């Protein structure tokens, strides 16, 4: 690999691992969409991404290209040319102009829900996940429904079933033992007296106190709306991206 080895290693170690704690292939939707990032790092010999003024643009491209699947040859080719012809500034705007002719360039709640694992991981960039099979065929970490899919309660809100699978009701990185024990128990019941478990494994919560009225399943819609607002605000704060 010659002189390409160091910038490539820096990209995977510093960008994917240190900045996002992405340590497993299943979290990457499109490896092809990484090529413009790799080429930019090679061309500019970025030995330390953390000190690069382009880091924010690289992160924005990473998120947009993965969620919107900017893996078409036409997009990758144009991106390659724009980087080749440009200087040390990542040509995000130019690439996005090309991408919008064939792919989406915006983020929507529906799109985030379609790629919930990736979405939840980038919203928790400092959270390290350990992928290991435990408890037979259960995967740790698991994608968990905060309000369960099949609760025993009969007086559910009218829109419960339509809301339960939204990304705002999901959490990544919940250990299999919690998920297996919680099953179809409502969160305010399961986490009563277990506030530490709640704080350790769940993020962007309207309240960290399970006895708070907002945790009542009759107020599920209010809970999810507030969590949605927190998560969308995080996209803006962390990456200057609007959902």
Protein backbone atom coordinates (compact mmCIF):
# COMPACT_ATOMS: atom_id res chain seq x y z
CA UNK A 1 0.00 0.00 0.00
CA UNK A 2 2.99 2.31 0.35
CA UNK A 3 2.12 5.82 1.41
CA UNK A 4 -1.62 5.05 1.41
CA UNK A 5 -1.45 2.85 4.48
CA UNK A 6 -1.23 5.56 7.16
CA UNK A 7 -4.15 7.74 5.95
CA UNK A 8 -6.32 4.64 5.45
CA UNK A 9 -5.56 3.37 8.92
CA UNK A 10 -6.23 6.84 10.33
CA UNK A 11 -9.59 6.95 8.60
CA UNK A 12 -10.81 3.65 10.05
CA UNK A 13 -9.21 4.16 13.45
CA UNK A 14 -9.79 7.86 14.02
CA UNK A 15 -12.93 8.56 11.97
CA UNK A 16 -15.07 5.41 12.20
CA UNK A 17 -13.83 4.16 15.56
CA UNK A 18 -12.80 7.17 17.61
CA UNK A 19 -15.41 9.63 16.32
CA UNK A 20 -18.36 7.23 16.05
CA UNK A 21 -17.28 4.07 17.90
CA UNK A 22 -18.34 2.06 14.86
CA UNK A 23 -16.67 -1.30 15.35
CA UNK A 24 -18.83 -3.73 13.41
CA UNK A 25 -19.63 -4.18 9.71
CA UNK A 26 -23.37 -4.40 10.31
CA UNK A 27 -23.50 -0.71 11.19
CA UNK A 28 -22.27 0.34 7.73
CA UNK A 29 -24.99 0.37 5.07
CA UNK A 30 -22.76 1.07 2.07
CA UNK A 31 -19.01 0.55 1.93
CA UNK A 32 -18.96 2.03 -1.57
CA UNK A 33 -20.27 5.33 -0.17
CA UNK A 34 -17.11 5.51 1.97
CA UNK A 35 -14.89 5.80 -1.11
CA UNK A 36 -15.03 9.63 -1.43
CA UNK A 37 -14.03 9.93 2.22
CA UNK A 38 -11.15 7.50 1.75
CA UNK A 39 -9.98 9.26 -1.40
CA UNK A 40 -10.11 12.68 0.27
CA UNK A 41 -8.01 11.39 3.16
CA UNK A 42 -5.50 9.86 0.74
CA UNK A 43 -5.27 12.96 -1.45
CA UNK A 44 -4.80 15.33 1.46
CA UNK A 45 -2.68 12.99 3.58
CA UNK A 46 -4.71 13.68 6.68
CA UNK A 47 -2.55 12.22 9.42
CA UNK A 48 -4.79 13.40 12.22
CA UNK A 49 -8.47 13.77 11.39
CA UNK A 50 -9.26 15.29 14.78
CA UNK A 51 -7.29 18.41 13.85
CA UNK A 52 -8.75 18.66 10.36
CA UNK A 53 -11.00 21.66 9.73
CA UNK A 54 -12.91 19.42 7.35
CA UNK A 55 -13.98 16.93 10.01
CA UNK A 56 -17.51 18.37 10.27
CA UNK A 57 -18.02 18.16 6.51
CA UNK A 58 -16.69 14.61 6.45
CA UNK A 59 -19.15 13.62 9.18
CA UNK A 60 -22.06 15.22 7.34
CA UNK A 61 -21.16 13.42 4.12
CA UNK A 62 -20.80 10.13 5.99
CA UNK A 63 -24.27 10.37 7.53
CA UNK A 64 -26.05 11.68 4.44
CA UNK A 65 -24.38 9.22 2.06
CA UNK A 66 -25.08 6.23 4.28
CA UNK A 67 -28.71 7.02 5.04
CA UNK A 68 -29.53 8.15 1.49
CA UNK A 69 -27.36 5.49 -0.16
CA UNK A 70 -25.12 7.65 -2.31
CA UNK A 71 -23.44 4.55 -3.76
CA UNK A 72 -24.33 5.00 -7.42
CA UNK A 73 -21.38 5.06 -9.81
CA UNK A 74 -22.45 8.48 -11.13
CA UNK A 75 -22.33 9.99 -7.63
CA UNK A 76 -19.07 8.32 -6.64
CA UNK A 77 -17.43 9.27 -9.94
CA UNK A 78 -18.47 12.93 -9.68
CA UNK A 79 -17.37 13.03 -6.05
CA UNK A 80 -13.98 11.58 -7.01
CA UNK A 81 -13.53 14.23 -9.70
CA UNK A 82 -14.60 17.08 -7.41
CA UNK A 83 -12.10 15.97 -4.77
CA UNK A 84 -9.37 15.52 -7.38
CA UNK A 85 -9.93 18.98 -8.84
CA UNK A 86 -10.39 20.68 -5.49
CA UNK A 87 -8.01 21.74 -2.79
CA UNK A 88 -7.93 20.74 0.85
CA UNK A 89 -11.63 21.51 1.37
CA UNK A 90 -14.09 18.62 1.15
CA UNK A 91 -16.59 19.48 -1.66
CA UNK A 92 -19.74 18.46 0.21
CA UNK A 93 -22.04 20.98 -1.50
CA UNK A 94 -20.88 19.97 -4.96
CA UNK A 95 -21.35 16.28 -4.21
CA UNK A 96 -24.81 16.93 -2.78
CA UNK A 97 -25.82 18.79 -5.95
CA UNK A 98 -24.92 15.70 -7.96
CA UNK A 99 -26.57 13.33 -5.50
CA UNK A 100 -29.90 15.14 -5.46
CA UNK A 101 -30.42 14.37 -9.14
CA UNK A 102 -30.75 10.65 -8.37
CA UNK A 103 -31.04 10.28 -4.62
CA UNK A 104 -32.45 12.10 -1.63
CA UNK A 105 -30.18 14.56 0.13
CA UNK A 106 -32.38 15.34 3.12
CA UNK A 107 -33.03 13.44 6.33
CA UNK A 108 -36.57 12.44 7.31
CA UNK A 109 -38.04 10.59 10.26
CA UNK A 110 -39.11 7.78 7.93
CA UNK A 111 -35.57 7.42 6.60
CA UNK A 112 -34.11 7.30 10.10
CA UNK A 113 -36.61 4.60 11.02
CA UNK A 114 -35.64 2.50 8.01
CA UNK A 115 -32.04 2.46 9.25
CA UNK A 116 -32.59 2.54 12.98
CA UNK A 117 -29.34 0.86 14.07
CA UNK A 118 -27.18 3.32 12.15
CA UNK A 119 -29.31 6.27 13.27
CA UNK A 120 -29.17 5.33 16.94
CA UNK A 121 -25.43 4.67 16.78
CA UNK A 122 -24.52 8.05 15.32
CA UNK A 123 -26.80 9.71 17.88
CA UNK A 124 -24.65 8.02 20.54
CA UNK A 125 -21.20 8.48 18.99
CA UNK A 126 -19.30 7.83 22.22
CA UNK A 127 -21.21 4.70 23.17
CA UNK A 128 -19.14 1.58 22.55
CA UNK A 129 -21.07 -1.54 21.59
CA UNK A 130 -19.77 -5.05 22.11
CA UNK A 131 -21.10 -7.47 19.54
CA UNK A 132 -21.26 -10.91 21.07
CA UNK A 133 -23.74 -13.76 21.06
CA UNK A 134 -25.18 -14.36 24.50
CA UNK A 135 -28.13 -16.28 25.87
CA UNK A 136 -28.34 -18.73 23.00
CA UNK A 137 -29.08 -16.78 19.84
CA UNK A 138 -29.66 -13.37 21.42
CA UNK A 139 -27.36 -10.58 20.26
CA UNK A 140 -25.82 -8.13 22.66
CA UNK A 141 -26.34 -5.23 22.04
CA UNK A 142 -29.95 -5.48 20.98
CA UNK A 143 -32.36 -3.09 19.32
CA UNK A 144 -35.01 -2.63 21.98
CA UNK A 145 -38.53 -1.22 21.96
CA UNK A 146 -38.97 1.12 24.92
CA UNK A 147 -42.73 0.66 24.87
CA UNK A 148 -43.18 -3.05 24.02
CA UNK A 149 -44.65 -4.33 20.78
CA UNK A 150 -47.03 -6.84 22.37
CA UNK A 151 -48.01 -5.61 25.84
CA UNK A 152 -50.58 -7.42 27.95
CA UNK A 153 -52.54 -4.24 28.65
CA UNK A 154 -55.91 -4.02 26.87
CA UNK A 155 -56.60 -0.29 27.21
CA UNK A 156 -53.87 0.82 24.83
CA UNK A 157 -54.05 4.23 23.12
CA UNK A 158 -55.67 4.05 19.71
CA UNK A 159 -52.42 4.78 17.85
CA UNK A 160 -50.20 2.54 20.00
CA UNK A 161 -49.57 -0.09 17.31
CA UNK A 162 -48.68 2.50 14.68
CA UNK A 163 -46.21 4.25 16.98
CA UNK A 164 -44.45 1.34 18.64
CA UNK A 165 -42.03 0.62 15.77
CA UNK A 166 -41.00 4.23 15.15
CA UNK A 167 -37.31 4.99 15.68
CA UNK A 168 -38.27 7.34 18.52
CA UNK A 169 -39.37 4.24 20.46
CA UNK A 170 -36.15 2.32 19.83
CA UNK A 171 -32.84 2.09 21.67
CA UNK A 172 -29.63 0.42 20.54
CA UNK A 173 -27.14 -1.13 22.89
CA UNK A 174 -29.51 -2.61 25.45
CA UNK A 175 -27.99 -5.84 26.79
CA UNK A 176 -29.80 -9.05 25.94
CA UNK A 177 -30.47 -9.89 29.56
CA UNK A 178 -32.46 -6.67 30.08
CA UNK A 179 -34.33 -7.16 26.83
CA UNK A 180 -35.12 -10.77 27.66
CA UNK A 181 -36.31 -9.89 31.16
CA UNK A 182 -38.30 -6.84 30.11
CA UNK A 183 -40.08 -8.55 27.20
CA UNK A 184 -43.60 -7.08 27.01
CA UNK A 185 -43.56 -5.22 30.32
CA UNK A 186 -44.32 -1.53 30.20
CA UNK A 187 -41.18 0.54 30.91
CA UNK A 188 -42.53 2.37 33.95
CA UNK A 189 -43.26 -0.99 35.56
CA UNK A 190 -40.02 -2.74 34.59
CA UNK A 191 -37.72 0.14 35.52
CA UNK A 192 -39.42 0.93 38.82
CA UNK A 193 -36.56 0.78 41.33
CA UNK A 194 -34.06 0.25 38.49
CA UNK A 195 -33.29 3.84 37.57
CA UNK A 196 -29.56 3.08 37.20
CA UNK A 197 -30.27 0.54 34.45
CA UNK A 198 -32.44 3.07 32.69
CA UNK A 199 -29.76 5.78 32.79
CA UNK A 200 -26.98 3.38 31.76
CA UNK A 201 -28.63 1.94 28.67
CA UNK A 202 -31.16 4.48 27.34
CA UNK A 203 -30.64 7.90 25.80
CA UNK A 204 -32.59 11.03 24.84
CA UNK A 205 -35.29 10.35 27.41
CA UNK A 206 -37.90 12.99 28.28
CA UNK A 207 -37.39 11.90 31.88
CA UNK A 208 -34.93 9.57 33.60
CA UNK A 209 -37.41 8.89 36.39
CA UNK A 210 -39.74 5.99 35.54
CA UNK A 211 -42.29 7.21 38.07
CA UNK A 212 -42.74 10.41 36.05
CA UNK A 213 -46.28 10.50 34.55
CA UNK A 214 -44.88 10.80 31.03
CA UNK A 215 -43.78 7.15 31.25
CA UNK A 216 -47.42 6.03 31.50
CA UNK A 217 -48.30 4.19 28.29
CA UNK A 218 -51.44 6.29 27.96
CA UNK A 219 -49.07 9.20 27.32
CA UNK A 220 -46.92 7.27 24.87
CA UNK A 221 -47.50 9.75 22.04
CA UNK A 222 -46.36 12.66 24.22
CA UNK A 223 -43.31 10.66 25.33
CA UNK A 224 -42.30 9.82 21.75
CA UNK A 225 -42.87 13.37 20.52
CA UNK A 226 -40.54 14.77 23.17
CA UNK A 227 -37.94 12.09 22.47
CA UNK A 228 -38.20 12.86 18.76
CA UNK A 229 -37.51 16.52 19.48
CA UNK A 230 -34.45 15.62 21.57
CA UNK A 231 -33.07 13.29 18.90
CA UNK A 232 -33.64 15.76 16.06
CA UNK A 233 -32.00 18.50 18.10
CA UNK A 234 -29.00 16.18 18.57
CA UNK A 235 -28.60 15.86 14.80
CA UNK A 236 -28.37 19.64 14.64
CA UNK A 237 -26.03 19.94 17.63
CA UNK A 238 -23.69 17.10 16.74
CA UNK A 239 -23.63 17.35 12.95
CA UNK A 240 -25.42 20.55 11.86
CA UNK A 241 -28.00 18.40 10.08
CA UNK A 242 -31.72 19.09 10.06
CA UNK A 243 -34.30 16.31 10.19
